[in-house]
């Protein structure tokens, strides 16, 4: 595993290349797809990351995977570079950093809303609109059903959490009454 700062440097380099070639979003998706493939298959991740396997064998596996994923030339060259430098295990960290940079550049932010009851499409859209107004950015929303919340919702937008759960509202009432 490489340090976060090194993952950021690789991600920054990819971002600069993607911007120069005007395919930043596509490149970001391709690197994320590769990271997702590694997440889904620990065996694949181990094979590609482990220098105990012959580099030529790892390269064949990687090239077949990239072809199957439909990766472009830039993502392929980048992946082969990481393999050559025995840093392929860093792909998930690099993908996470690159995704954050691409989202920042595009004015997007990820949000997760946990609700006591499943939200329907109308409620989800209203929640997304409200969070976009609060953040001033385009919100990519994920919803989760959390029965442990007795009522209300808890939204996390980037690093900020908005707690509108029933328990937190009761707690605020208690603090005011005290």
C-alpha atoms as a PDB file:
ATOM      1  CA  UNK A   1       0.000   0.000   0.000  1.00  0.00           C
ATOM      2  CA  UNK A   2       1.336   3.429  -0.861  1.00  0.00           C
ATOM      3  CA  UNK A   3       0.822   6.560   1.134  1.00  0.00           C
ATOM      4  CA  UNK A   4      -2.091   8.904   0.514  1.00  0.00           C
ATOM      5  CA  UNK A   5       0.189  11.640  -0.749  1.00  0.00           C
ATOM      6  CA  UNK A   6       1.655   9.334  -3.391  1.00  0.00           C
ATOM      7  CA  UNK A   7      -1.851   8.243  -4.439  1.00  0.00           C
ATOM      8  CA  UNK A   8      -2.771  11.934  -4.741  1.00  0.00           C
ATOM      9  CA  UNK A   9       0.277  12.587  -6.929  1.00  0.00           C
ATOM     10  CA  UNK A  10      -0.661   9.760  -9.291  1.00  0.00           C
ATOM     11  CA  UNK A  11      -4.265  10.995  -9.322  1.00  0.00           C
ATOM     12  CA  UNK A  12      -3.143  14.575 -10.003  1.00  0.00           C
ATOM     13  CA  UNK A  13      -0.976  13.389 -12.905  1.00  0.00           C
ATOM     14  CA  UNK A  14      -3.908  11.444 -14.337  1.00  0.00           C
ATOM     15  CA  UNK A  15      -6.147  14.455 -13.929  1.00  0.00           C
ATOM     16  CA  UNK A  16      -3.732  16.709 -15.794  1.00  0.00           C
ATOM     17  CA  UNK A  17      -3.466  14.197 -18.629  1.00  0.00           C
ATOM     18  CA  UNK A  18      -7.231  13.730 -18.729  1.00  0.00           C
ATOM     19  CA  UNK A  19      -7.803  17.481 -18.878  1.00  0.00           C
ATOM     20  CA  UNK A  20      -5.186  17.927 -21.593  1.00  0.00           C
ATOM     21  CA  UNK A  21      -6.797  15.169 -23.662  1.00  0.00           C
ATOM     22  CA  UNK A  22     -10.314  16.365 -22.799  1.00  0.00           C
ATOM     23  CA  UNK A  23     -11.356  12.939 -21.523  1.00  0.00           C
ATOM     24  CA  UNK A  24     -11.100  13.408 -17.763  1.00  0.00           C
ATOM     25  CA  UNK A  25     -14.538  11.959 -16.935  1.00  0.00           C
ATOM     26  CA  UNK A  26     -13.909   8.871 -19.091  1.00  0.00           C
ATOM     27  CA  UNK A  27     -10.455   8.322 -17.629  1.00  0.00           C
ATOM     28  CA  UNK A  28     -11.846   8.666 -14.109  1.00  0.00           C
ATOM     29  CA  UNK A  29     -14.545   6.085 -14.848  1.00  0.00           C
ATOM     30  CA  UNK A  30     -12.012   3.659 -16.314  1.00  0.00           C
ATOM     31  CA  UNK A  31      -9.725   3.867 -13.276  1.00  0.00           C
ATOM     32  CA  UNK A  32     -12.764   3.486 -10.988  1.00  0.00           C
ATOM     33  CA  UNK A  33     -13.914   0.439 -12.966  1.00  0.00           C
ATOM     34  CA  UNK A  34     -10.488  -1.116 -12.518  1.00  0.00           C
ATOM     35  CA  UNK A  35     -10.558  -0.413  -8.769  1.00  0.00           C
ATOM     36  CA  UNK A  36     -14.065  -1.903  -8.555  1.00  0.00           C
ATOM     37  CA  UNK A  37     -12.904  -5.063 -10.336  1.00  0.00           C
ATOM     38  CA  UNK A  38     -10.132  -5.409  -7.760  1.00  0.00           C
ATOM     39  CA  UNK A  39     -12.607  -4.878  -4.933  1.00  0.00           C
ATOM     40  CA  UNK A  40     -14.988  -7.514  -6.278  1.00  0.00           C
ATOM     41  CA  UNK A  41     -12.245 -10.086  -6.768  1.00  0.00           C
ATOM     42  CA  UNK A  42      -9.650 -10.304  -3.993  1.00  0.00           C
ATOM     43  CA  UNK A  43      -7.930 -13.045  -6.014  1.00  0.00           C
ATOM     44  CA  UNK A  44      -7.518 -10.681  -8.950  1.00  0.00           C
ATOM     45  CA  UNK A  45      -6.177  -7.976  -6.667  1.00  0.00           C
ATOM     46  CA  UNK A  46      -3.718 -10.404  -5.077  1.00  0.00           C
ATOM     47  CA  UNK A  47      -2.551 -11.700  -8.460  1.00  0.00           C
ATOM     48  CA  UNK A  48      -1.948  -8.251  -9.922  1.00  0.00           C
ATOM     49  CA  UNK A  49      -0.377  -6.816  -6.767  1.00  0.00           C
ATOM     50  CA  UNK A  50       1.876  -9.684  -5.760  1.00  0.00           C
ATOM     51  CA  UNK A  51       5.428  -9.533  -7.156  1.00  0.00           C
ATOM     52  CA  UNK A  52       5.777 -13.264  -6.439  1.00  0.00           C
ATOM     53  CA  UNK A  53       3.876 -13.846  -9.686  1.00  0.00           C
ATOM     54  CA  UNK A  54       5.831 -13.365 -12.906  1.00  0.00           C
ATOM     55  CA  UNK A  55       5.411  -9.818 -14.223  1.00  0.00           C
ATOM     56  CA  UNK A  56       4.691 -11.166 -17.714  1.00  0.00           C
ATOM     57  CA  UNK A  57       1.852 -13.307 -16.336  1.00  0.00           C
ATOM     58  CA  UNK A  58       0.445 -10.395 -14.345  1.00  0.00           C
ATOM     59  CA  UNK A  59       0.659  -8.202 -17.442  1.00  0.00           C
ATOM     60  CA  UNK A  60      -1.316 -10.741 -19.501  1.00  0.00           C
ATOM     61  CA  UNK A  61      -4.023 -10.881 -16.826  1.00  0.00           C
ATOM     62  CA  UNK A  62      -4.112  -7.086 -16.607  1.00  0.00           C
ATOM     63  CA  UNK A  63      -4.289  -6.595 -20.365  1.00  0.00           C
ATOM     64  CA  UNK A  64      -7.170  -9.099 -20.622  1.00  0.00           C
ATOM     65  CA  UNK A  65      -8.988  -7.347 -17.780  1.00  0.00           C
ATOM     66  CA  UNK A  66      -8.508  -3.899 -19.301  1.00  0.00           C
ATOM     67  CA  UNK A  67      -9.741  -5.144 -22.656  1.00  0.00           C
ATOM     68  CA  UNK A  68     -12.816  -6.620 -21.002  1.00  0.00           C
ATOM     69  CA  UNK A  69     -13.455  -3.339 -19.171  1.00  0.00           C
ATOM     70  CA  UNK A  70     -13.074  -1.412 -22.430  1.00  0.00           C
ATOM     71  CA  UNK A  71     -10.306   0.749 -21.005  1.00  0.00           C
ATOM     72  CA  UNK A  72      -8.748   3.352 -23.260  1.00  0.00           C
ATOM     73  CA  UNK A  73      -5.103   3.811 -24.096  1.00  0.00           C
ATOM     74  CA  UNK A  74      -4.404   6.220 -21.214  1.00  0.00           C
ATOM     75  CA  UNK A  75      -5.916   3.984 -18.517  1.00  0.00           C
ATOM     76  CA  UNK A  76      -4.113   0.983 -20.017  1.00  0.00           C
ATOM     77  CA  UNK A  77      -0.727   2.731 -20.080  1.00  0.00           C
ATOM     78  CA  UNK A  78      -1.251   3.995 -16.537  1.00  0.00           C
ATOM     79  CA  UNK A  79      -2.157   0.511 -15.281  1.00  0.00           C
ATOM     80  CA  UNK A  80       0.864  -1.040 -16.959  1.00  0.00           C
ATOM     81  CA  UNK A  81       3.095   1.631 -15.396  1.00  0.00           C
ATOM     82  CA  UNK A  82       1.760   0.804 -11.924  1.00  0.00           C
ATOM     83  CA  UNK A  83       2.297  -2.899 -12.592  1.00  0.00           C
ATOM     84  CA  UNK A  84       5.857  -2.259 -13.734  1.00  0.00           C
ATOM     85  CA  UNK A  85       6.601  -0.233 -10.589  1.00  0.00           C
ATOM     86  CA  UNK A  86       4.972  -2.829  -8.294  1.00  0.00           C
ATOM     87  CA  UNK A  87       2.389  -0.299  -7.166  1.00  0.00           C
ATOM     88  CA  UNK A  88      -0.705  -1.894  -8.613  1.00  0.00           C
ATOM     89  CA  UNK A  89      -2.168  -2.415  -5.143  1.00  0.00           C
ATOM     90  CA  UNK A  90      -2.573   1.371  -4.973  1.00  0.00           C
ATOM     91  CA  UNK A  91      -5.237   1.456  -7.716  1.00  0.00           C
ATOM     92  CA  UNK A  92      -8.159   1.743  -5.234  1.00  0.00           C
ATOM     93  CA  UNK A  93      -6.485   4.663  -3.416  1.00  0.00           C
ATOM     94  CA  UNK A  94      -5.617   6.397  -6.668  1.00  0.00           C
ATOM     95  CA  UNK A  95      -9.146   5.852  -8.016  1.00  0.00           C
ATOM     96  CA  UNK A  96     -10.657   7.345  -4.856  1.00  0.00           C
ATOM     97  CA  UNK A  97      -8.381  10.395  -5.034  1.00  0.00           C
ATOM     98  CA  UNK A  98      -8.997  10.853  -8.763  1.00  0.00           C
ATOM     99  CA  UNK A  99     -12.741  10.535  -8.317  1.00  0.00           C
ATOM    100  CA  UNK A 100     -12.708  13.235  -5.636  1.00  0.00           C
ATOM    101  CA  UNK A 101     -10.649  15.527  -7.863  1.00  0.00           C
ATOM    102  CA  UNK A 102     -12.912  14.964 -10.872  1.00  0.00           C
ATOM    103  CA  UNK A 103     -16.016  15.611  -8.767  1.00  0.00           C
ATOM    104  CA  UNK A 104     -14.480  18.781  -7.331  1.00  0.00           C
ATOM    105  CA  UNK A 105     -13.579  20.032 -10.785  1.00  0.00           C
ATOM    106  CA  UNK A 106     -17.105  19.259 -12.047  1.00  0.00           C
ATOM    107  CA  UNK A 107     -18.744  20.931  -9.030  1.00  0.00           C
ATOM    108  CA  UNK A 108     -20.203  17.644  -7.765  1.00  0.00           C
ATOM    109  CA  UNK A 109     -20.381  16.229  -4.276  1.00  0.00           C
ATOM    110  CA  UNK A 110     -21.445  12.793  -3.075  1.00  0.00           C
ATOM    111  CA  UNK A 111     -24.181  12.568  -0.480  1.00  0.00           C
ATOM    112  CA  UNK A 112     -25.677   9.708   1.488  1.00  0.00           C
ATOM    113  CA  UNK A 113     -29.106  10.038   3.058  1.00  0.00           C
ATOM    114  CA  UNK A 114     -30.149   7.524   5.695  1.00  0.00           C
ATOM    115  CA  UNK A 115     -33.855   7.472   6.420  1.00  0.00           C
ATOM    116  CA  UNK A 116     -36.064   5.643   8.900  1.00  0.00           C
ATOM    117  CA  UNK A 117     -38.294   4.538   6.020  1.00  0.00           C
ATOM    118  CA  UNK A 118     -37.356   3.972   2.380  1.00  0.00           C
ATOM    119  CA  UNK A 119     -37.650   7.183   0.359  1.00  0.00           C
ATOM    120  CA  UNK A 120     -39.730   7.190  -2.810  1.00  0.00           C
ATOM    121  CA  UNK A 121     -38.623   8.917  -6.017  1.00  0.00           C
ATOM    122  CA  UNK A 122     -40.357  12.218  -5.192  1.00  0.00           C
ATOM    123  CA  UNK A 123     -38.848  12.370  -1.680  1.00  0.00           C
ATOM    124  CA  UNK A 124     -35.425  11.476  -3.043  1.00  0.00           C
ATOM    125  CA  UNK A 125     -35.614  14.253  -5.644  1.00  0.00           C
ATOM    126  CA  UNK A 126     -36.732  16.797  -3.021  1.00  0.00           C
ATOM    127  CA  UNK A 127     -33.883  15.715  -0.747  1.00  0.00           C
ATOM    128  CA  UNK A 128     -31.388  16.034  -3.609  1.00  0.00           C
ATOM    129  CA  UNK A 129     -32.665  19.516  -4.485  1.00  0.00           C
ATOM    130  CA  UNK A 130     -32.448  20.654  -0.864  1.00  0.00           C
ATOM    131  CA  UNK A 131     -28.904  19.318  -0.499  1.00  0.00           C
ATOM    132  CA  UNK A 132     -27.855  20.982  -3.758  1.00  0.00           C
ATOM    133  CA  UNK A 133     -29.151  24.308  -2.420  1.00  0.00           C
ATOM    134  CA  UNK A 134     -27.274  23.800   0.870  1.00  0.00           C
ATOM    135  CA  UNK A 135     -24.003  22.763  -0.749  1.00  0.00           C
ATOM    136  CA  UNK A 136     -24.130  24.921  -3.859  1.00  0.00           C
ATOM    137  CA  UNK A 137     -22.988  21.895  -5.875  1.00  0.00           C
ATOM    138  CA  UNK A 138     -24.514  19.140  -7.971  1.00  0.00           C
ATOM    139  CA  UNK A 139     -25.315  16.315  -5.553  1.00  0.00           C
ATOM    140  CA  UNK A 140     -24.861  12.659  -6.458  1.00  0.00           C
ATOM    141  CA  UNK A 141     -27.275  11.099  -3.980  1.00  0.00           C
ATOM    142  CA  UNK A 142     -27.359   7.632  -2.475  1.00  0.00           C
ATOM    143  CA  UNK A 143     -30.198   6.685  -0.144  1.00  0.00           C
ATOM    144  CA  UNK A 144     -30.156   4.042   2.556  1.00  0.00           C
ATOM    145  CA  UNK A 145     -32.924   2.619   4.702  1.00  0.00           C
ATOM    146  CA  UNK A 146     -31.893   2.655   8.369  1.00  0.00           C
ATOM    147  CA  UNK A 147     -34.595   1.309  10.689  1.00  0.00           C
ATOM    148  CA  UNK A 148     -32.463   2.205  13.730  1.00  0.00           C
ATOM    149  CA  UNK A 149     -33.467   5.823  13.077  1.00  0.00           C
ATOM    150  CA  UNK A 150     -36.873   6.006  14.714  1.00  0.00           C
ATOM    151  CA  UNK A 151     -37.845   8.800  12.366  1.00  0.00           C
ATOM    152  CA  UNK A 152     -36.384  11.523  10.168  1.00  0.00           C
ATOM    153  CA  UNK A 153     -33.229  11.476   8.086  1.00  0.00           C
ATOM    154  CA  UNK A 154     -29.479  11.913   8.427  1.00  0.00           C
ATOM    155  CA  UNK A 155     -27.659  13.317   5.408  1.00  0.00           C
ATOM    156  CA  UNK A 156     -23.914  13.331   4.867  1.00  0.00           C
ATOM    157  CA  UNK A 157     -22.771  15.693   2.116  1.00  0.00           C
ATOM    158  CA  UNK A 158     -19.042  15.375   1.647  1.00  0.00           C
ATOM    159  CA  UNK A 159     -17.662  15.795   5.175  1.00  0.00           C
ATOM    160  CA  UNK A 160     -20.716  17.582   6.596  1.00  0.00           C
ATOM    161  CA  UNK A 161     -23.512  15.728   8.370  1.00  0.00           C
ATOM    162  CA  UNK A 162     -27.030  17.099   8.712  1.00  0.00           C
ATOM    163  CA  UNK A 163     -28.875  15.209  11.430  1.00  0.00           C
ATOM    164  CA  UNK A 164     -32.641  15.513  11.186  1.00  0.00           C
ATOM    165  CA  UNK A 165     -33.337  12.263  12.980  1.00  0.00           C
ATOM    166  CA  UNK A 166     -36.035  12.032  15.613  1.00  0.00           C
ATOM    167  CA  UNK A 167     -33.478  11.201  18.311  1.00  0.00           C
ATOM    168  CA  UNK A 168     -31.379  14.294  17.601  1.00  0.00           C
ATOM    169  CA  UNK A 169     -34.492  16.494  17.587  1.00  0.00           C
ATOM    170  CA  UNK A 170     -35.531  15.095  20.974  1.00  0.00           C
ATOM    171  CA  UNK A 171     -32.000  15.671  22.278  1.00  0.00           C
ATOM    172  CA  UNK A 172     -32.073  19.306  21.113  1.00  0.00           C
ATOM    173  CA  UNK A 173     -35.421  19.778  22.900  1.00  0.00           C
ATOM    174  CA  UNK A 174     -33.931  18.346  26.084  1.00  0.00           C
ATOM    175  CA  UNK A 175     -30.973  20.723  25.875  1.00  0.00           C
ATOM    176  CA  UNK A 176     -33.264  23.725  25.435  1.00  0.00           C
ATOM    177  CA  UNK A 177     -35.447  22.644  28.348  1.00  0.00           C
ATOM    178  CA  UNK A 178     -32.479  22.207  30.673  1.00  0.00           C
END
